[in-house]
Amino acid sequence: MNLNSILAVSDLSPAGNHAIDRAAMLAVEHDAVLRLMYAAAPDHSLVDAAARLRQMAEQTSQRFGVTVQAVSRTAEAIEQLAEEARFDDLLVISHRREPLLSAFFRGARTERLTRLCRCPVLVTKLEAKKRYGRILVAVDFTDTSKALANLAFGLDPDAEVELFHAINTRDEAKLRSAEATEHAIKAYRDRTRFQAHERMSWLTDSSDARRNRVMSAVGRGDPARQAAVQ
């Protein structure tokens, strides 16, 4: 993966600026241009946002030694943010808690962004103190999974990458409801695990990453929950 331009979006709060620091670290690794854009928080808008964004761009450039540009327009809607990122290679935003009612009717901000953006979207939650040391990639063995794995391989050249797949147990539950024997259920379980490990090899062997920094693991249960546990 080659990142030439990274767009970081912040409401210029301490938590929002985590996205800027993470994007700056990635810009250093990839020798990329970093662009900063202001997006107001739902309950608070800065009067001097443009001036503060330019100041943040200067400070970030001095701290990290990268080219930083302040975007003049303000992202007042998700669609404007996605439009601004259309020529960037990566969009970095900070995690933001949203009212349940708003998320129910409109969908979560991150989910809507990933549908609208052409580039990958990286969501930060913690303060960026150092480079990534280990990256977990949840895969389902589709072509999209291969693209996601290759994205992780190139995000940080020195980070370890772990590919993780969770075998959904819904089909096993159907066998139990159909009163299948324990022997048949165990045979099904062993077969699906073997197939998962074989398909993991398809992902790792097709990559150009160093094999000594690529690991894989297979779990069982709800994929989202098991990925969070892993």
C-alpha atoms as a PDB file:
ATOM      1  CA  MET A   1       0.000   0.000   0.000  1.00  0.00           C
ATOM      2  CA  ASN A   2       1.326   3.390  -0.988  1.00  0.00           C
ATOM      3  CA  LEU A   3      -0.062   6.408   0.853  1.00  0.00           C
ATOM      4  CA  ASN A   4       0.666   9.682  -0.911  1.00  0.00           C
ATOM      5  CA  SER A   5      -2.016  11.831   0.707  1.00  0.00           C
ATOM      6  CA  ILE A   6      -3.739  11.441   4.090  1.00  0.00           C
ATOM      7  CA  LEU A   7      -6.741  13.459   5.262  1.00  0.00           C
ATOM      8  CA  ALA A   8      -7.182  13.810   9.036  1.00  0.00           C
ATOM      9  CA  VAL A   9     -10.420  15.265  10.381  1.00  0.00           C
ATOM     10  CA  SER A  10     -10.753  16.768  13.860  1.00  0.00           C
ATOM     11  CA  ASP A  11     -13.074  18.964  15.895  1.00  0.00           C
ATOM     12  CA  LEU A  12      -9.855  20.359  17.469  1.00  0.00           C
ATOM     13  CA  SER A  13     -10.672  18.890  20.870  1.00  0.00           C
ATOM     14  CA  PRO A  14      -7.981  16.855  22.688  1.00  0.00           C
ATOM     15  CA  ALA A  15      -9.764  13.603  21.769  1.00  0.00           C
ATOM     16  CA  GLY A  16     -10.345  14.759  18.202  1.00  0.00           C
ATOM     17  CA  ASN A  17      -6.675  15.573  17.768  1.00  0.00           C
ATOM     18  CA  HIS A  18      -5.746  11.915  18.359  1.00  0.00           C
ATOM     19  CA  ALA A  19      -6.652  11.441  14.696  1.00  0.00           C
ATOM     20  CA  ILE A  20      -4.189  14.149  13.654  1.00  0.00           C
ATOM     21  CA  ASP A  21      -1.300  12.619  15.601  1.00  0.00           C
ATOM     22  CA  ARG A  22      -1.995   9.130  14.246  1.00  0.00           C
ATOM     23  CA  ALA A  23      -2.261  10.443  10.704  1.00  0.00           C
ATOM     24  CA  ALA A  24       1.013  12.349  11.151  1.00  0.00           C
ATOM     25  CA  MET A  25       2.812   9.180  12.267  1.00  0.00           C
ATOM     26  CA  LEU A  26       1.562   7.364   9.194  1.00  0.00           C
ATOM     27  CA  ALA A  27       2.570  10.306   6.999  1.00  0.00           C
ATOM     28  CA  VAL A  28       6.109  10.005   8.339  1.00  0.00           C
ATOM     29  CA  GLU A  29       6.259   6.281   7.545  1.00  0.00           C
ATOM     30  CA  HIS A  30       4.867   6.694   4.030  1.00  0.00           C
ATOM     31  CA  ASP A  31       6.422  10.084   3.214  1.00  0.00           C
ATOM     32  CA  ALA A  32       2.888  11.330   2.541  1.00  0.00           C
ATOM     33  CA  VAL A  33       1.313  14.775   2.519  1.00  0.00           C
ATOM     34  CA  LEU A  34      -0.980  15.303   5.500  1.00  0.00           C
ATOM     35  CA  ARG A  35      -4.125  17.403   5.081  1.00  0.00           C
ATOM     36  CA  LEU A  36      -6.126  18.626   8.080  1.00  0.00           C
ATOM     37  CA  MET A  37      -9.842  19.378   7.997  1.00  0.00           C
ATOM     38  CA  TYR A  38     -12.099  20.807  10.686  1.00  0.00           C
ATOM     39  CA  ALA A  39     -15.463  19.223  11.485  1.00  0.00           C
ATOM     40  CA  ALA A  40     -17.455  20.773  14.311  1.00  0.00           C
ATOM     41  CA  ALA A  41     -18.665  18.620  17.180  1.00  0.00           C
ATOM     42  CA  PRO A  42     -22.471  18.140  17.223  1.00  0.00           C
ATOM     43  CA  ASP A  43     -22.918  20.338  20.289  1.00  0.00           C
ATOM     44  CA  HIS A  44     -20.111  22.845  19.817  1.00  0.00           C
ATOM     45  CA  SER A  45     -18.637  24.871  16.965  1.00  0.00           C
ATOM     46  CA  LEU A  46     -15.451  26.963  17.184  1.00  0.00           C
ATOM     47  CA  VAL A  47     -15.635  30.574  16.037  1.00  0.00           C
ATOM     48  CA  ASP A  48     -11.915  30.731  15.229  1.00  0.00           C
ATOM     49  CA  ALA A  49     -11.717  27.220  13.768  1.00  0.00           C
ATOM     50  CA  ALA A  50      -9.889  28.237  10.564  1.00  0.00           C
ATOM     51  CA  ALA A  51      -7.122  30.055  12.439  1.00  0.00           C
ATOM     52  CA  ARG A  52      -6.731  27.252  14.967  1.00  0.00           C
ATOM     53  CA  LEU A  53      -6.580  24.656  12.196  1.00  0.00           C
ATOM     54  CA  ARG A  54      -3.768  26.562  10.446  1.00  0.00           C
ATOM     55  CA  GLN A  55      -1.927  26.787  13.747  1.00  0.00           C
ATOM     56  CA  MET A  56      -2.387  23.046  14.290  1.00  0.00           C
ATOM     57  CA  ALA A  57      -1.023  22.396  10.791  1.00  0.00           C
ATOM     58  CA  GLU A  58       2.115  24.416  11.537  1.00  0.00           C
ATOM     59  CA  GLN A  59       2.656  22.722  14.904  1.00  0.00           C
ATOM     60  CA  THR A  60       2.132  19.241  13.451  1.00  0.00           C
ATOM     61  CA  SER A  61       4.555  19.934  10.617  1.00  0.00           C
ATOM     62  CA  GLN A  62       7.225  21.051  13.079  1.00  0.00           C
ATOM     63  CA  ARG A  63       6.657  18.121  15.464  1.00  0.00           C
ATOM     64  CA  PHE A  64       6.716  15.351  12.865  1.00  0.00           C
ATOM     65  CA  GLY A  65       8.723  16.851  10.028  1.00  0.00           C
ATOM     66  CA  VAL A  66       6.076  16.271   7.367  1.00  0.00           C
ATOM     67  CA  THR A  67       4.222  18.481   4.898  1.00  0.00           C
ATOM     68  CA  VAL A  68       0.908  19.545   6.448  1.00  0.00           C
ATOM     69  CA  GLN A  69      -1.829  21.514   4.731  1.00  0.00           C
ATOM     70  CA  ALA A  70      -4.940  23.029   6.316  1.00  0.00           C
ATOM     71  CA  VAL A  71      -8.135  22.533   4.295  1.00  0.00           C
ATOM     72  CA  SER A  72     -10.025  25.817   4.000  1.00  0.00           C
ATOM     73  CA  ARG A  73     -13.524  24.352   3.863  1.00  0.00           C
ATOM     74  CA  THR A  74     -15.317  22.997   6.928  1.00  0.00           C
ATOM     75  CA  ALA A  75     -17.003  19.607   6.980  1.00  0.00           C
ATOM     76  CA  GLU A  76     -20.555  20.368   8.059  1.00  0.00           C
ATOM     77  CA  ALA A  77     -21.954  17.059   6.824  1.00  0.00           C
ATOM     78  CA  ILE A  78     -20.742  13.522   6.193  1.00  0.00           C
ATOM     79  CA  GLU A  79     -21.164  14.005   2.456  1.00  0.00           C
ATOM     80  CA  GLN A  80     -18.792  17.005   2.443  1.00  0.00           C
ATOM     81  CA  LEU A  81     -16.187  15.031   4.321  1.00  0.00           C
ATOM     82  CA  ALA A  82     -16.386  12.145   1.872  1.00  0.00           C
ATOM     83  CA  GLU A  83     -16.182  14.544  -1.071  1.00  0.00           C
ATOM     84  CA  GLU A  84     -13.030  16.174   0.330  1.00  0.00           C
ATOM     85  CA  ALA A  85     -11.411  12.742   0.768  1.00  0.00           C
ATOM     86  CA  ARG A  86     -12.111  11.560  -2.783  1.00  0.00           C
ATOM     87  CA  PHE A  87      -8.501  12.091  -3.927  1.00  0.00           C
ATOM     88  CA  ASP A  88      -6.809  10.975  -0.686  1.00  0.00           C
ATOM     89  CA  ASP A  89      -5.400   7.519  -0.002  1.00  0.00           C
ATOM     90  CA  LEU A  90      -6.559   7.366   3.627  1.00  0.00           C
ATOM     91  CA  LEU A  91      -9.083   9.187   5.813  1.00  0.00           C
ATOM     92  CA  VAL A  92      -8.382   9.313   9.565  1.00  0.00           C
ATOM     93  CA  ILE A  93     -11.102  10.311  12.021  1.00  0.00           C
ATOM     94  CA  SER A  94     -11.541  10.029  15.781  1.00  0.00           C
ATOM     95  CA  HIS A  95     -14.175   7.874  17.429  1.00  0.00           C
ATOM     96  CA  ARG A  96     -17.202   9.839  18.556  1.00  0.00           C
ATOM     97  CA  ARG A  97     -20.088   8.634  20.701  1.00  0.00           C
ATOM     98  CA  GLU A  98     -23.420   9.449  19.099  1.00  0.00           C
ATOM     99  CA  PRO A  99     -26.935   9.680  20.566  1.00  0.00           C
ATOM    100  CA  LEU A 100     -28.687   6.345  20.152  1.00  0.00           C
ATOM    101  CA  LEU A 101     -31.736   7.896  18.518  1.00  0.00           C
ATOM    102  CA  SER A 102     -29.620   9.761  15.955  1.00  0.00           C
ATOM    103  CA  ALA A 103     -27.589   6.661  15.130  1.00  0.00           C
ATOM    104  CA  PHE A 104     -30.790   4.610  14.817  1.00  0.00           C
ATOM    105  CA  PHE A 105     -32.374   6.854  12.204  1.00  0.00           C
ATOM    106  CA  ARG A 106     -29.295   7.992  10.282  1.00  0.00           C
ATOM    107  CA  GLY A 107     -26.761   5.226  10.983  1.00  0.00           C
ATOM    108  CA  ALA A 108     -23.475   5.660  12.809  1.00  0.00           C
ATOM    109  CA  ARG A 109     -21.112   8.281  11.401  1.00  0.00           C
ATOM    110  CA  THR A 110     -18.341   5.761  10.723  1.00  0.00           C
ATOM    111  CA  GLU A 111     -20.668   3.357   8.950  1.00  0.00           C
ATOM    112  CA  ARG A 112     -22.035   6.095   6.698  1.00  0.00           C
ATOM    113  CA  LEU A 113     -18.508   7.310   5.922  1.00  0.00           C
ATOM    114  CA  THR A 114     -17.298   3.881   4.847  1.00  0.00           C
ATOM    115  CA  ARG A 115     -20.221   3.643   2.438  1.00  0.00           C
ATOM    116  CA  LEU A 116     -19.536   7.065   0.903  1.00  0.00           C
ATOM    117  CA  CYS A 117     -15.717   7.153   0.829  1.00  0.00           C
ATOM    118  CA  ARG A 118     -13.613   5.643  -1.914  1.00  0.00           C
ATOM    119  CA  CYS A 119     -10.550   5.408   0.313  1.00  0.00           C
ATOM    120  CA  PRO A 120     -10.030   3.385   3.515  1.00  0.00           C
ATOM    121  CA  VAL A 121     -11.243   4.986   6.763  1.00  0.00           C
ATOM    122  CA  LEU A 122      -9.138   4.664   9.912  1.00  0.00           C
ATOM    123  CA  VAL A 123     -10.928   5.375  13.221  1.00  0.00           C
ATOM    124  CA  THR A 124      -8.793   6.283  16.251  1.00  0.00           C
ATOM    125  CA  LYS A 125      -9.891   5.877  19.869  1.00  0.00           C
ATOM    126  CA  LEU A 126      -6.727   6.273  21.927  1.00  0.00           C
ATOM    127  CA  GLU A 127      -3.889   8.777  22.079  1.00  0.00           C
ATOM    128  CA  ALA A 128      -1.265   8.015  19.437  1.00  0.00           C
ATOM    129  CA  LYS A 129       1.919   7.556  21.482  1.00  0.00           C
ATOM    130  CA  LYS A 130       3.835   5.234  19.165  1.00  0.00           C
ATOM    131  CA  ARG A 131       3.619   3.341  15.874  1.00  0.00           C
ATOM    132  CA  TYR A 132       1.388   0.320  15.524  1.00  0.00           C
ATOM    133  CA  GLY A 133       3.007  -2.815  16.950  1.00  0.00           C
ATOM    134  CA  ARG A 134       0.333  -5.366  16.105  1.00  0.00           C
ATOM    135  CA  ILE A 135      -2.664  -5.220  13.780  1.00  0.00           C
ATOM    136  CA  LEU A 136      -5.662  -7.560  13.917  1.00  0.00           C
ATOM    137  CA  VAL A 137      -7.513  -8.180  10.651  1.00  0.00           C
ATOM    138  CA  ALA A 138     -10.924  -9.872  10.807  1.00  0.00           C
ATOM    139  CA  VAL A 139     -11.421 -11.834   7.570  1.00  0.00           C
ATOM    140  CA  ASP A 140     -14.234 -13.826   5.964  1.00  0.00           C
ATOM    141  CA  PHE A 141     -12.216 -15.220   2.992  1.00  0.00           C
ATOM    142  CA  THR A 142     -13.805 -13.010   0.335  1.00  0.00           C
ATOM    143  CA  ASP A 143     -11.820 -10.913  -2.146  1.00  0.00           C
ATOM    144  CA  THR A 144     -12.516  -7.964   0.146  1.00  0.00           C
ATOM    145  CA  SER A 145     -10.701  -9.825   2.915  1.00  0.00           C
ATOM    146  CA  LYS A 146      -7.628 -10.173   0.723  1.00  0.00           C
ATOM    147  CA  ALA A 147      -7.667  -6.433  -0.011  1.00  0.00           C
ATOM    148  CA  LEU A 148      -8.080  -5.681   3.701  1.00  0.00           C
ATOM    149  CA  ALA A 149      -5.184  -7.963   4.619  1.00  0.00           C
ATOM    150  CA  ASN A 150      -2.932  -6.314   2.034  1.00  0.00           C
ATOM    151  CA  LEU A 151      -3.934  -2.910   3.429  1.00  0.00           C
ATOM    152  CA  ALA A 152      -2.869  -4.018   6.906  1.00  0.00           C
ATOM    153  CA  PHE A 153       0.405  -5.463   5.589  1.00  0.00           C
ATOM    154  CA  GLY A 154       1.314  -2.089   4.122  1.00  0.00           C
ATOM    155  CA  LEU A 155      -0.003   0.180   6.872  1.00  0.00           C
ATOM    156  CA  ASP A 156       3.137  -0.177   8.981  1.00  0.00           C
ATOM    157  CA  PRO A 157       6.040  -2.210   7.549  1.00  0.00           C
ATOM    158  CA  ASP A 158       7.295  -3.260  10.986  1.00  0.00           C
ATOM    159  CA  ALA A 159       4.010  -4.171  12.672  1.00  0.00           C
ATOM    160  CA  GLU A 160       2.963  -7.762  13.277  1.00  0.00           C
ATOM    161  CA  VAL A 161      -0.270  -8.714  11.514  1.00  0.00           C
ATOM    162  CA  GLU A 162      -2.701 -11.317  12.813  1.00  0.00           C
ATOM    163  CA  LEU A 163      -5.446 -12.592  10.531  1.00  0.00           C
ATOM    164  CA  PHE A 164      -8.497 -13.762  12.473  1.00  0.00           C
ATOM    165  CA  HIS A 165     -11.558 -15.678  11.323  1.00  0.00           C
ATOM    166  CA  ALA A 166     -14.504 -16.661  13.511  1.00  0.00           C
ATOM    167  CA  ILE A 167     -16.523 -19.708  12.469  1.00  0.00           C
ATOM    168  CA  ASN A 168     -20.180 -18.853  12.900  1.00  0.00           C
ATOM    169  CA  THR A 169     -21.962 -21.505  14.969  1.00  0.00           C
ATOM    170  CA  ARG A 170     -25.433 -20.993  13.468  1.00  0.00           C
ATOM    171  CA  ASP A 171     -25.156 -24.059  11.223  1.00  0.00           C
ATOM    172  CA  GLU A 172     -23.998 -26.140  14.165  1.00  0.00           C
ATOM    173  CA  ALA A 173     -27.054 -24.976  16.090  1.00  0.00           C
ATOM    174  CA  LYS A 174     -29.244 -26.083  13.184  1.00  0.00           C
ATOM    175  CA  LEU A 175     -27.687 -29.545  13.360  1.00  0.00           C
ATOM    176  CA  ARG A 176     -28.466 -29.725  17.062  1.00  0.00           C
ATOM    177  CA  SER A 177     -32.057 -28.605  16.510  1.00  0.00           C
ATOM    178  CA  ALA A 178     -32.353 -31.359  13.879  1.00  0.00           C
ATOM    179  CA  GLU A 179     -31.174 -33.815  16.562  1.00  0.00           C
ATOM    180  CA  ALA A 180     -27.947 -34.748  14.762  1.00  0.00           C
ATOM    181  CA  THR A 181     -25.625 -37.068  16.675  1.00  0.00           C
ATOM    182  CA  GLU A 182     -22.668 -35.723  18.638  1.00  0.00           C
ATOM    183  CA  HIS A 183     -20.395 -37.612  16.248  1.00  0.00           C
ATOM    184  CA  ALA A 184     -21.916 -35.801  13.242  1.00  0.00           C
ATOM    185  CA  ILE A 185     -21.643 -32.434  14.975  1.00  0.00           C
ATOM    186  CA  LYS A 186     -18.011 -33.051  15.898  1.00  0.00           C
ATOM    187  CA  ALA A 187     -17.227 -34.121  12.326  1.00  0.00           C
ATOM    188  CA  TYR A 188     -18.831 -30.927  11.019  1.00  0.00           C
ATOM    189  CA  ARG A 189     -16.909 -28.830  13.522  1.00  0.00           C
ATOM    190  CA  ASP A 190     -13.571 -30.444  12.593  1.00  0.00           C
ATOM    191  CA  ARG A 191     -14.259 -30.020   8.879  1.00  0.00           C
ATOM    192  CA  THR A 192     -15.122 -26.329   9.114  1.00  0.00           C
ATOM    193  CA  ARG A 193     -12.036 -25.644  11.253  1.00  0.00           C
ATOM    194  CA  PHE A 194      -9.786 -27.480   8.766  1.00  0.00           C
ATOM    195  CA  GLN A 195     -11.295 -25.528   5.860  1.00  0.00           C
ATOM    196  CA  ALA A 196     -10.788 -22.249   7.733  1.00  0.00           C
ATOM    197  CA  HIS A 197      -7.091 -22.980   8.329  1.00  0.00           C
ATOM    198  CA  GLU A 198      -6.613 -23.913   4.674  1.00  0.00           C
ATOM    199  CA  ARG A 199      -8.219 -20.675   3.500  1.00  0.00           C
ATOM    200  CA  MET A 200      -6.048 -18.723   5.923  1.00  0.00           C
ATOM    201  CA  SER A 201      -3.067 -20.031   3.962  1.00  0.00           C
ATOM    202  CA  TRP A 202      -4.661 -18.589   0.813  1.00  0.00           C
ATOM    203  CA  LEU A 203      -4.531 -15.142   2.411  1.00  0.00           C
ATOM    204  CA  THR A 204      -1.015 -15.346   3.850  1.00  0.00           C
ATOM    205  CA  ASP A 205       0.623 -17.078   0.863  1.00  0.00           C
ATOM    206  CA  SER A 206      -0.778 -14.542  -1.592  1.00  0.00           C
ATOM    207  CA  SER A 207       0.732 -11.615   0.272  1.00  0.00           C
ATOM    208  CA  ASP A 208       4.167 -10.160  -0.268  1.00  0.00           C
ATOM    209  CA  ALA A 209       4.583  -9.586   3.472  1.00  0.00           C
ATOM    210  CA  ARG A 210       7.365 -11.260   5.422  1.00  0.00           C
ATOM    211  CA  ARG A 211       5.998 -14.536   6.759  1.00  0.00           C
ATOM    212  CA  ASN A 212       7.640 -14.072  10.153  1.00  0.00           C
ATOM    213  CA  ARG A 213       5.355 -11.141  10.968  1.00  0.00           C
ATOM    214  CA  VAL A 214       2.076 -12.661   9.751  1.00  0.00           C
ATOM    215  CA  MET A 215       0.084 -14.851  12.131  1.00  0.00           C
ATOM    216  CA  SER A 216      -3.367 -16.397  11.927  1.00  0.00           C
ATOM    217  CA  ALA A 217      -6.001 -17.599  14.363  1.00  0.00           C
ATOM    218  CA  VAL A 218      -9.419 -19.232  14.077  1.00  0.00           C
ATOM    219  CA  GLY A 219     -12.187 -18.847  16.656  1.00  0.00           C
ATOM    220  CA  ARG A 220     -15.820 -19.875  17.032  1.00  0.00           C
ATOM    221  CA  GLY A 221     -18.956 -17.829  17.632  1.00  0.00           C
ATOM    222  CA  ASP A 222     -20.374 -14.472  16.582  1.00  0.00           C
ATOM    223  CA  PRO A 223     -17.703 -12.912  14.300  1.00  0.00           C
ATOM    224  CA  ALA A 224     -18.012  -9.349  15.645  1.00  0.00           C
ATOM    225  CA  ARG A 225     -17.914 -10.401  19.288  1.00  0.00           C
ATOM    226  CA  GLN A 226     -15.064 -12.866  18.775  1.00  0.00           C
ATOM    227  CA  ALA A 227     -12.997 -10.299  16.860  1.00  0.00           C
ATOM    228  CA  ALA A 228     -13.413  -7.865  19.768  1.00  0.00           C
ATOM    229  CA  VAL A 229     -12.344 -10.590  22.227  1.00  0.00           C
ATOM    230  CA  GLN A 230      -9.314 -11.463  20.092  1.00  0.00           C
END
